[in-house]
N, C-alpha and C. Protein backbone atom coordinates (compact mmCIF):
# COMPACT_ATOMS: atom_id res chain seq x y z
N UNK A 1 6.50 4.78 9.16
CA UNK A 1 6.09 4.74 7.78
C UNK A 1 6.14 6.15 7.19
N UNK A 2 6.47 6.20 5.94
CA UNK A 2 6.53 7.46 5.21
C UNK A 2 5.56 7.36 4.05
N UNK A 3 4.95 8.47 3.65
CA UNK A 3 3.99 8.47 2.57
C UNK A 3 4.29 9.65 1.64
N UNK A 4 4.37 9.34 0.34
CA UNK A 4 4.60 10.39 -0.66
C UNK A 4 3.93 9.94 -1.96
N UNK A 5 3.00 10.75 -2.44
CA UNK A 5 2.27 10.48 -3.68
C UNK A 5 1.59 9.11 -3.63
N UNK A 6 1.19 8.67 -2.45
CA UNK A 6 0.52 7.39 -2.30
C UNK A 6 1.46 6.21 -2.12
N UNK A 7 2.74 6.44 -2.24
CA UNK A 7 3.73 5.37 -2.06
C UNK A 7 4.16 5.38 -0.59
N UNK A 8 4.21 4.20 0.02
CA UNK A 8 4.51 4.09 1.44
C UNK A 8 5.90 3.49 1.62
N UNK A 9 6.72 4.19 2.37
CA UNK A 9 8.07 3.72 2.64
C UNK A 9 8.20 3.18 4.05
N UNK A 10 8.87 2.06 4.16
CA UNK A 10 9.16 1.45 5.46
C UNK A 10 10.66 1.57 5.69
N UNK A 11 11.06 1.95 6.90
CA UNK A 11 12.46 2.27 7.17
C UNK A 11 13.00 1.40 8.29
N UNK A 12 14.24 1.00 8.12
CA UNK A 12 14.98 0.29 9.17
C UNK A 12 16.28 1.03 9.39
N UNK A 13 16.82 0.88 10.60
CA UNK A 13 18.09 1.53 10.93
C UNK A 13 19.15 0.47 11.13
N UNK A 14 20.29 0.63 10.44
CA UNK A 14 21.43 -0.26 10.60
C UNK A 14 22.39 0.41 11.57
N UNK A 15 22.41 -0.09 12.82
CA UNK A 15 23.22 0.57 13.85
C UNK A 15 24.72 0.35 13.65
N UNK A 16 25.11 -0.65 12.87
CA UNK A 16 26.53 -0.85 12.59
C UNK A 16 27.01 0.12 11.51
N UNK A 17 26.21 0.31 10.47
CA UNK A 17 26.58 1.20 9.38
C UNK A 17 26.14 2.64 9.64
N UNK A 18 25.30 2.83 10.65
CA UNK A 18 24.77 4.16 11.00
C UNK A 18 24.04 4.79 9.82
N UNK A 19 23.13 3.99 9.22
CA UNK A 19 22.39 4.47 8.07
C UNK A 19 20.96 3.95 8.13
N UNK A 20 20.05 4.79 7.67
CA UNK A 20 18.66 4.39 7.52
C UNK A 20 18.50 3.82 6.11
N UNK A 21 17.80 2.71 5.99
CA UNK A 21 17.49 2.12 4.68
C UNK A 21 16.00 1.93 4.58
N UNK A 22 15.45 2.29 3.44
CA UNK A 22 14.02 2.17 3.26
C UNK A 22 13.65 1.49 1.97
N UNK A 23 12.41 0.97 1.97
CA UNK A 23 11.83 0.32 0.81
C UNK A 23 10.39 0.75 0.68
N UNK A 24 9.96 0.99 -0.56
CA UNK A 24 8.54 1.25 -0.80
C UNK A 24 7.84 -0.10 -0.72
N UNK A 25 6.83 -0.18 0.15
CA UNK A 25 6.23 -1.48 0.45
C UNK A 25 4.90 -1.74 -0.25
N UNK A 26 4.33 -0.77 -0.93
CA UNK A 26 3.02 -1.01 -1.53
C UNK A 26 3.07 -1.07 -3.06
N UNK A 27 4.18 -1.60 -3.58
CA UNK A 27 4.30 -1.90 -5.01
C UNK A 27 5.10 -3.19 -5.16
N UNK A 28 4.94 -3.83 -6.29
CA UNK A 28 5.80 -4.99 -6.60
C UNK A 28 7.16 -4.51 -7.09
N UNK A 29 7.19 -3.31 -7.67
CA UNK A 29 8.43 -2.71 -8.14
C UNK A 29 9.32 -2.42 -6.95
N UNK A 30 10.60 -2.74 -7.07
CA UNK A 30 11.54 -2.49 -5.98
C UNK A 30 11.99 -1.03 -6.04
N UNK A 31 11.64 -0.27 -5.03
CA UNK A 31 12.04 1.13 -4.91
C UNK A 31 12.68 1.27 -3.54
N UNK A 32 13.96 1.64 -3.51
CA UNK A 32 14.69 1.75 -2.25
C UNK A 32 15.26 3.15 -2.08
N UNK A 33 15.67 3.46 -0.86
CA UNK A 33 16.27 4.75 -0.54
C UNK A 33 17.06 4.62 0.74
N UNK A 34 18.03 5.53 0.94
CA UNK A 34 18.87 5.53 2.13
C UNK A 34 19.17 6.94 2.57
N UNK A 35 19.53 7.07 3.83
CA UNK A 35 19.94 8.36 4.36
C UNK A 35 20.60 8.21 5.71
N UNK A 36 21.43 9.18 6.05
CA UNK A 36 22.10 9.15 7.35
C UNK A 36 21.40 10.01 8.38
N UNK A 37 20.39 10.77 7.96
CA UNK A 37 19.59 11.58 8.88
C UNK A 37 18.13 11.49 8.44
N UNK A 38 17.25 11.91 9.29
CA UNK A 38 15.83 11.89 8.95
C UNK A 38 15.57 12.79 7.75
N UNK A 39 16.15 13.98 7.76
CA UNK A 39 15.95 14.90 6.63
C UNK A 39 16.44 14.29 5.32
N UNK A 40 17.64 13.70 5.36
CA UNK A 40 18.19 13.08 4.15
C UNK A 40 17.32 11.89 3.71
N UNK A 41 16.87 11.11 4.66
CA UNK A 41 16.02 9.97 4.37
C UNK A 41 14.73 10.39 3.69
N UNK A 42 14.07 11.42 4.23
CA UNK A 42 12.83 11.93 3.63
C UNK A 42 13.06 12.44 2.22
N UNK A 43 14.15 13.16 2.02
CA UNK A 43 14.49 13.68 0.69
C UNK A 43 14.75 12.55 -0.28
N UNK A 44 15.51 11.54 0.14
CA UNK A 44 15.85 10.42 -0.74
C UNK A 44 14.63 9.57 -1.05
N UNK A 45 13.71 9.46 -0.10
CA UNK A 45 12.45 8.75 -0.35
C UNK A 45 11.68 9.43 -1.47
N UNK A 46 11.51 10.74 -1.34
CA UNK A 46 10.79 11.49 -2.37
C UNK A 46 11.52 11.41 -3.72
N UNK A 47 12.85 11.53 -3.68
CA UNK A 47 13.63 11.44 -4.92
C UNK A 47 13.48 10.08 -5.58
N UNK A 48 13.48 9.02 -4.80
CA UNK A 48 13.35 7.67 -5.36
C UNK A 48 11.99 7.47 -6.01
N UNK A 49 10.93 7.94 -5.37
CA UNK A 49 9.60 7.84 -5.96
C UNK A 49 9.54 8.67 -7.24
N UNK A 50 10.05 9.89 -7.18
CA UNK A 50 10.04 10.76 -8.38
C UNK A 50 10.87 10.15 -9.51
N UNK A 51 12.02 9.55 -9.17
CA UNK A 51 12.85 8.90 -10.18
C UNK A 51 12.10 7.74 -10.83
N UNK A 52 11.40 6.95 -10.02
CA UNK A 52 10.61 5.84 -10.55
C UNK A 52 9.54 6.35 -11.51
N UNK A 53 8.83 7.39 -11.10
CA UNK A 53 7.77 7.95 -11.94
C UNK A 53 8.34 8.52 -13.24
N UNK A 54 9.48 9.16 -13.16
CA UNK A 54 10.13 9.72 -14.35
C UNK A 54 10.62 8.60 -15.27
N UNK A 55 11.19 7.56 -14.70
CA UNK A 55 11.64 6.40 -15.48
C UNK A 55 10.47 5.80 -16.24
N UNK A 56 9.34 5.64 -15.58
CA UNK A 56 8.14 5.10 -16.23
C UNK A 56 7.71 6.00 -17.39
N UNK A 57 7.73 7.30 -17.15
CA UNK A 57 7.32 8.26 -18.18
C UNK A 57 8.24 8.17 -19.40
N UNK A 58 9.55 8.12 -19.14
CA UNK A 58 10.52 8.05 -20.24
C UNK A 58 10.38 6.77 -21.04
N UNK A 59 10.05 5.66 -20.36
CA UNK A 59 9.90 4.37 -21.03
C UNK A 59 8.50 4.16 -21.60
N UNK A 60 7.61 5.13 -21.37
CA UNK A 60 6.26 5.04 -21.90
C UNK A 60 5.40 3.96 -21.25
N UNK A 61 5.67 3.68 -19.99
CA UNK A 61 4.87 2.67 -19.29
C UNK A 61 4.11 3.34 -18.14
N UNK A 62 3.01 2.75 -17.78
CA UNK A 62 2.24 3.27 -16.65
C UNK A 62 2.91 2.85 -15.35
N UNK A 63 3.14 3.80 -14.46
CA UNK A 63 3.73 3.42 -13.17
C UNK A 63 2.75 2.55 -12.39
N UNK A 64 3.31 1.65 -11.63
CA UNK A 64 2.47 0.81 -10.79
C UNK A 64 1.80 1.69 -9.76
N UNK A 65 0.51 1.61 -9.68
CA UNK A 65 -0.25 2.42 -8.74
C UNK A 65 -0.32 1.67 -7.42
N UNK A 66 -0.09 2.38 -6.32
CA UNK A 66 -0.20 1.71 -5.04
C UNK A 66 -1.67 1.44 -4.71
N UNK A 67 -2.05 0.22 -4.84
CA UNK A 67 -3.40 -0.24 -4.50
C UNK A 67 -4.48 0.51 -5.27
N UNK A 68 -5.08 -0.20 -6.17
CA UNK A 68 -6.11 0.38 -7.04
C UNK A 68 -7.46 0.45 -6.35
N UNK A 69 -7.63 -0.29 -5.26
CA UNK A 69 -8.94 -0.37 -4.63
C UNK A 69 -9.73 -1.58 -5.11
N UNK A 70 -9.14 -2.32 -6.04
CA UNK A 70 -9.79 -3.53 -6.54
C UNK A 70 -9.12 -4.73 -5.87
N UNK A 71 -9.94 -5.65 -5.38
CA UNK A 71 -9.42 -6.81 -4.67
C UNK A 71 -10.34 -7.99 -4.92
N UNK A 72 -9.78 -9.09 -5.37
CA UNK A 72 -10.55 -10.32 -5.51
C UNK A 72 -10.41 -11.10 -4.22
N UNK A 73 -11.53 -11.49 -3.65
CA UNK A 73 -11.52 -12.22 -2.38
C UNK A 73 -12.12 -13.60 -2.62
N UNK A 74 -11.47 -14.63 -2.13
CA UNK A 74 -11.99 -15.98 -2.23
C UNK A 74 -12.57 -16.36 -0.87
N UNK A 75 -13.80 -16.82 -0.88
CA UNK A 75 -14.49 -17.24 0.34
C UNK A 75 -15.00 -18.66 0.16
N UNK A 76 -15.16 -19.36 1.26
CA UNK A 76 -15.84 -20.64 1.19
C UNK A 76 -17.27 -20.37 0.72
N UNK A 77 -17.87 -21.26 -0.05
CA UNK A 77 -19.23 -21.02 -0.55
C UNK A 77 -20.23 -20.68 0.56
N UNK A 78 -20.14 -21.35 1.69
CA UNK A 78 -21.07 -21.08 2.79
C UNK A 78 -20.88 -19.66 3.33
N UNK A 79 -19.63 -19.24 3.46
CA UNK A 79 -19.34 -17.88 3.93
C UNK A 79 -19.84 -16.86 2.93
N UNK A 80 -19.65 -17.13 1.65
CA UNK A 80 -20.12 -16.24 0.59
C UNK A 80 -21.63 -16.08 0.68
N UNK A 81 -22.34 -17.20 0.83
CA UNK A 81 -23.80 -17.17 0.93
C UNK A 81 -24.25 -16.36 2.14
N UNK A 82 -23.63 -16.60 3.29
CA UNK A 82 -24.01 -15.90 4.51
C UNK A 82 -23.75 -14.39 4.38
N UNK A 83 -22.61 -14.04 3.79
CA UNK A 83 -22.28 -12.61 3.63
C UNK A 83 -23.25 -11.94 2.67
N UNK A 84 -23.56 -12.60 1.56
CA UNK A 84 -24.49 -12.03 0.59
C UNK A 84 -25.88 -11.86 1.19
N UNK A 85 -26.31 -12.85 1.97
CA UNK A 85 -27.62 -12.78 2.62
C UNK A 85 -27.66 -11.65 3.63
N UNK A 86 -26.63 -11.55 4.47
CA UNK A 86 -26.57 -10.48 5.48
C UNK A 86 -26.54 -9.11 4.81
N UNK A 87 -25.78 -8.98 3.72
CA UNK A 87 -25.70 -7.71 3.00
C UNK A 87 -27.09 -7.31 2.49
N UNK A 88 -27.82 -8.25 1.93
CA UNK A 88 -29.18 -7.94 1.42
C UNK A 88 -30.10 -7.51 2.56
N UNK A 89 -30.01 -8.20 3.70
CA UNK A 89 -30.83 -7.85 4.85
C UNK A 89 -30.54 -6.42 5.29
N UNK A 90 -29.27 -6.02 5.23
CA UNK A 90 -28.86 -4.67 5.63
C UNK A 90 -29.06 -3.64 4.53
N UNK A 91 -29.48 -4.08 3.35
CA UNK A 91 -29.68 -3.16 2.24
C UNK A 91 -28.38 -2.67 1.62
N UNK A 92 -27.35 -3.51 1.69
CA UNK A 92 -26.03 -3.16 1.17
C UNK A 92 -25.67 -4.07 0.01
N UNK A 93 -24.77 -3.59 -0.83
CA UNK A 93 -24.17 -4.49 -1.81
C UNK A 93 -23.19 -5.39 -1.06
N UNK A 94 -22.84 -6.51 -1.64
CA UNK A 94 -21.86 -7.39 -1.00
C UNK A 94 -20.53 -6.67 -0.86
N UNK A 95 -20.16 -5.88 -1.85
CA UNK A 95 -18.92 -5.13 -1.79
C UNK A 95 -18.92 -4.16 -0.60
N UNK A 96 -20.01 -3.41 -0.41
CA UNK A 96 -20.11 -2.47 0.72
C UNK A 96 -20.07 -3.21 2.05
N UNK A 97 -20.72 -4.35 2.12
CA UNK A 97 -20.74 -5.15 3.34
C UNK A 97 -19.31 -5.58 3.71
N UNK A 98 -18.58 -6.10 2.72
CA UNK A 98 -17.21 -6.56 2.97
C UNK A 98 -16.32 -5.38 3.33
N UNK A 99 -16.49 -4.25 2.65
CA UNK A 99 -15.68 -3.07 2.95
C UNK A 99 -15.91 -2.62 4.38
N UNK A 100 -17.16 -2.59 4.83
CA UNK A 100 -17.47 -2.20 6.21
C UNK A 100 -16.87 -3.17 7.21
N UNK A 101 -16.91 -4.47 6.90
CA UNK A 101 -16.33 -5.47 7.79
C UNK A 101 -14.82 -5.29 7.91
N UNK A 102 -14.15 -5.04 6.80
CA UNK A 102 -12.70 -4.83 6.83
C UNK A 102 -12.37 -3.56 7.60
N UNK A 103 -13.10 -2.47 7.35
CA UNK A 103 -12.85 -1.22 8.07
C UNK A 103 -13.06 -1.40 9.56
N UNK A 104 -14.07 -2.15 9.96
CA UNK A 104 -14.32 -2.39 11.39
C UNK A 104 -13.16 -3.17 12.00
N UNK A 105 -12.65 -4.14 11.28
CA UNK A 105 -11.53 -4.93 11.77
C UNK A 105 -10.27 -4.08 11.91
N UNK A 106 -10.05 -3.17 10.97
CA UNK A 106 -8.87 -2.31 11.02
C UNK A 106 -8.94 -1.33 12.18
N UNK A 107 -10.12 -0.87 12.55
CA UNK A 107 -10.29 0.03 13.70
C UNK A 107 -9.95 -0.68 15.00
N UNK A 108 -10.25 -1.97 15.07
CA UNK A 108 -9.98 -2.75 16.27
C UNK A 108 -8.50 -3.04 16.43
N UNK A 109 -7.79 -3.17 15.29
CA UNK A 109 -6.41 -3.59 15.31
C UNK A 109 -5.51 -2.52 15.73
């Protein structure tokens, strides 16, 4: 994985064409890049992100931000009740409780 200005690039190698191809994976906007070496790939990744940001600026639109930190979660009513109750017992907001649970799961993975 590659990271530049919060945008994350995922890379695959095409052994027949002898080229690296990448895609920014944390936006709905399609942002791609290619290179024949690691250095070229890193440069093209940064150039593609910068080009996207410049295009947005020229068109007067806000660039898509990679993950705002806002997430709507749907839970079964019983799960919602149990989580809210446990959060209150722990002296946490429901949001903090869920955030801690997700962080704990990510550490295990």
